[in-house]
């Protein structure tokens, strides 16, 4: 299992960060992973899931919809071992669904 710092470092060197981290969503440190973990730990998974999507949030990431947001969140929760932080009601946001 990756530690948050290692995962964050890998993400910073990738091209994934894009618009989401330039927006108000990741302020002030512009670290998408740290922000996401904080939101998950504060039981704001639904707000985070919506915020990732351009169609649902002014600061969302272009080309990210329900499925991609769920994939990112599912992988983040799994890689960082945050399963205990996700309530039963919020598990739906970790399930990518094709429509």
C-alpha atoms as a PDB file:
ATOM      1  CA  UNK A   1       0.000   0.000   0.000  1.00  0.00           C
ATOM      2  CA  UNK A   2       1.354   3.440  -0.932  1.00  0.00           C
ATOM      3  CA  UNK A   3       1.705   6.110   1.696  1.00  0.00           C
ATOM      4  CA  UNK A   4      -0.064   9.400   1.047  1.00  0.00           C
ATOM      5  CA  UNK A   5       3.223  11.289   0.549  1.00  0.00           C
ATOM      6  CA  UNK A   6       4.504   8.816  -2.057  1.00  0.00           C
ATOM      7  CA  UNK A   7       1.164   8.751  -3.889  1.00  0.00           C
ATOM      8  CA  UNK A   8       1.006  12.543  -3.832  1.00  0.00           C
ATOM      9  CA  UNK A   9       4.544  12.825  -5.200  1.00  0.00           C
ATOM     10  CA  UNK A  10       3.725  10.473  -8.070  1.00  0.00           C
ATOM     11  CA  UNK A  11       0.562  12.421  -8.857  1.00  0.00           C
ATOM     12  CA  UNK A  12       2.421  15.754  -8.866  1.00  0.00           C
ATOM     13  CA  UNK A  13       4.776  14.438 -11.544  1.00  0.00           C
ATOM     14  CA  UNK A  14       1.903  13.263 -13.734  1.00  0.00           C
ATOM     15  CA  UNK A  15      -0.383  15.246 -16.014  1.00  0.00           C
ATOM     16  CA  UNK A  16      -3.547  14.336 -14.077  1.00  0.00           C
ATOM     17  CA  UNK A  17      -3.613  17.386 -11.811  1.00  0.00           C
ATOM     18  CA  UNK A  18      -4.771  19.833 -14.518  1.00  0.00           C
ATOM     19  CA  UNK A  19      -7.707  22.138 -14.029  1.00  0.00           C
ATOM     20  CA  UNK A  20      -8.998  20.678 -10.771  1.00  0.00           C
ATOM     21  CA  UNK A  21      -5.920  21.776  -8.840  1.00  0.00           C
ATOM     22  CA  UNK A  22      -5.899  25.182 -10.494  1.00  0.00           C
ATOM     23  CA  UNK A  23      -9.439  25.777  -9.313  1.00  0.00           C
ATOM     24  CA  UNK A  24     -10.799  26.823  -5.947  1.00  0.00           C
ATOM     25  CA  UNK A  25     -11.328  23.168  -5.073  1.00  0.00           C
ATOM     26  CA  UNK A  26      -7.726  22.347  -4.119  1.00  0.00           C
ATOM     27  CA  UNK A  27      -6.828  25.690  -2.550  1.00  0.00           C
ATOM     28  CA  UNK A  28      -4.608  26.610  -0.824  1.00  0.00           C
ATOM     29  CA  UNK A  29      -1.854  24.033  -1.495  1.00  0.00           C
ATOM     30  CA  UNK A  30      -3.142  22.753  -4.867  1.00  0.00           C
ATOM     31  CA  UNK A  31      -2.623  19.116  -3.864  1.00  0.00           C
ATOM     32  CA  UNK A  32      -5.482  17.062  -5.257  1.00  0.00           C
ATOM     33  CA  UNK A  33      -4.716  13.930  -3.254  1.00  0.00           C
ATOM     34  CA  UNK A  34      -4.360  15.703   0.088  1.00  0.00           C
ATOM     35  CA  UNK A  35      -7.562  17.638  -0.555  1.00  0.00           C
ATOM     36  CA  UNK A  36      -9.406  14.455  -1.541  1.00  0.00           C
ATOM     37  CA  UNK A  37      -8.240  12.556   1.556  1.00  0.00           C
ATOM     38  CA  UNK A  38      -9.290  15.456   3.781  1.00  0.00           C
ATOM     39  CA  UNK A  39     -12.741  15.540   2.175  1.00  0.00           C
ATOM     40  CA  UNK A  40     -13.138  11.759   2.567  1.00  0.00           C
ATOM     41  CA  UNK A  41     -12.099  11.882   6.230  1.00  0.00           C
ATOM     42  CA  UNK A  42     -14.580  14.720   6.832  1.00  0.00           C
ATOM     43  CA  UNK A  43     -17.457  12.681   5.334  1.00  0.00           C
ATOM     44  CA  UNK A  44     -17.724  14.957   2.286  1.00  0.00           C
ATOM     45  CA  UNK A  45     -17.351  12.256  -0.348  1.00  0.00           C
ATOM     46  CA  UNK A  46     -20.467  13.276  -2.265  1.00  0.00           C
ATOM     47  CA  UNK A  47     -19.288  16.894  -2.420  1.00  0.00           C
ATOM     48  CA  UNK A  48     -15.857  15.747  -3.617  1.00  0.00           C
ATOM     49  CA  UNK A  49     -17.393  13.403  -6.218  1.00  0.00           C
ATOM     50  CA  UNK A  50     -19.487  16.267  -7.617  1.00  0.00           C
ATOM     51  CA  UNK A  51     -16.593  18.724  -7.456  1.00  0.00           C
ATOM     52  CA  UNK A  52     -14.404  16.558  -9.669  1.00  0.00           C
ATOM     53  CA  UNK A  53     -16.932  16.706 -12.515  1.00  0.00           C
ATOM     54  CA  UNK A  54     -16.942  19.654 -14.894  1.00  0.00           C
ATOM     55  CA  UNK A  55     -20.671  19.172 -15.578  1.00  0.00           C
ATOM     56  CA  UNK A  56     -21.522  19.448 -11.863  1.00  0.00           C
ATOM     57  CA  UNK A  57     -18.990  22.007 -10.675  1.00  0.00           C
ATOM     58  CA  UNK A  58     -17.543  25.213 -12.083  1.00  0.00           C
ATOM     59  CA  UNK A  59     -14.107  24.130 -10.827  1.00  0.00           C
ATOM     60  CA  UNK A  60     -14.362  20.521 -12.007  1.00  0.00           C
ATOM     61  CA  UNK A  61     -12.020  18.781 -14.408  1.00  0.00           C
ATOM     62  CA  UNK A  62     -12.859  18.866 -18.105  1.00  0.00           C
ATOM     63  CA  UNK A  63     -13.826  15.388 -19.431  1.00  0.00           C
ATOM     64  CA  UNK A  64     -14.425  13.974 -15.933  1.00  0.00           C
ATOM     65  CA  UNK A  65     -17.928  12.647 -15.399  1.00  0.00           C
ATOM     66  CA  UNK A  66     -19.572  10.295 -12.929  1.00  0.00           C
ATOM     67  CA  UNK A  67     -17.604   7.213 -13.983  1.00  0.00           C
ATOM     68  CA  UNK A  68     -14.111   8.762 -13.943  1.00  0.00           C
ATOM     69  CA  UNK A  69     -14.797  10.549 -10.637  1.00  0.00           C
ATOM     70  CA  UNK A  70     -15.862   7.222  -9.110  1.00  0.00           C
ATOM     71  CA  UNK A  71     -12.810   5.419 -10.525  1.00  0.00           C
ATOM     72  CA  UNK A  72     -10.443   8.016  -9.038  1.00  0.00           C
ATOM     73  CA  UNK A  73     -12.159   7.926  -5.652  1.00  0.00           C
ATOM     74  CA  UNK A  74     -12.379   4.134  -5.546  1.00  0.00           C
ATOM     75  CA  UNK A  75      -8.686   3.790  -6.345  1.00  0.00           C
ATOM     76  CA  UNK A  76      -7.692   6.501  -3.868  1.00  0.00           C
ATOM     77  CA  UNK A  77      -9.697   4.910  -1.057  1.00  0.00           C
ATOM     78  CA  UNK A  78      -8.300   1.466  -1.861  1.00  0.00           C
ATOM     79  CA  UNK A  79      -4.652   2.481  -2.325  1.00  0.00           C
ATOM     80  CA  UNK A  80      -4.564   4.579   0.846  1.00  0.00           C
ATOM     81  CA  UNK A  81      -6.660   2.159   2.914  1.00  0.00           C
ATOM     82  CA  UNK A  82      -9.450   4.628   3.671  1.00  0.00           C
ATOM     83  CA  UNK A  83     -12.304   2.117   3.499  1.00  0.00           C
ATOM     84  CA  UNK A  84     -13.240   2.713   7.146  1.00  0.00           C
ATOM     85  CA  UNK A  85     -13.716   6.422   6.404  1.00  0.00           C
ATOM     86  CA  UNK A  86     -16.495   5.784   3.858  1.00  0.00           C
ATOM     87  CA  UNK A  87     -20.016   5.345   5.235  1.00  0.00           C
ATOM     88  CA  UNK A  88     -22.382   2.807   3.736  1.00  0.00           C
ATOM     89  CA  UNK A  89     -24.434   5.641   2.205  1.00  0.00           C
ATOM     90  CA  UNK A  90     -21.382   7.043   0.411  1.00  0.00           C
ATOM     91  CA  UNK A  91     -20.104   3.781  -1.069  1.00  0.00           C
ATOM     92  CA  UNK A  92     -22.169   4.419  -4.208  1.00  0.00           C
ATOM     93  CA  UNK A  93     -19.713   7.196  -5.142  1.00  0.00           C
ATOM     94  CA  UNK A  94     -16.934   4.597  -5.340  1.00  0.00           C
ATOM     95  CA  UNK A  95     -18.794   2.453  -7.882  1.00  0.00           C
ATOM     96  CA  UNK A  96     -18.131   3.426 -11.514  1.00  0.00           C
ATOM     97  CA  UNK A  97     -21.322   2.717 -13.459  1.00  0.00           C
ATOM     98  CA  UNK A  98     -21.672   2.606 -17.242  1.00  0.00           C
ATOM     99  CA  UNK A  99     -24.870   4.112 -18.548  1.00  0.00           C
END
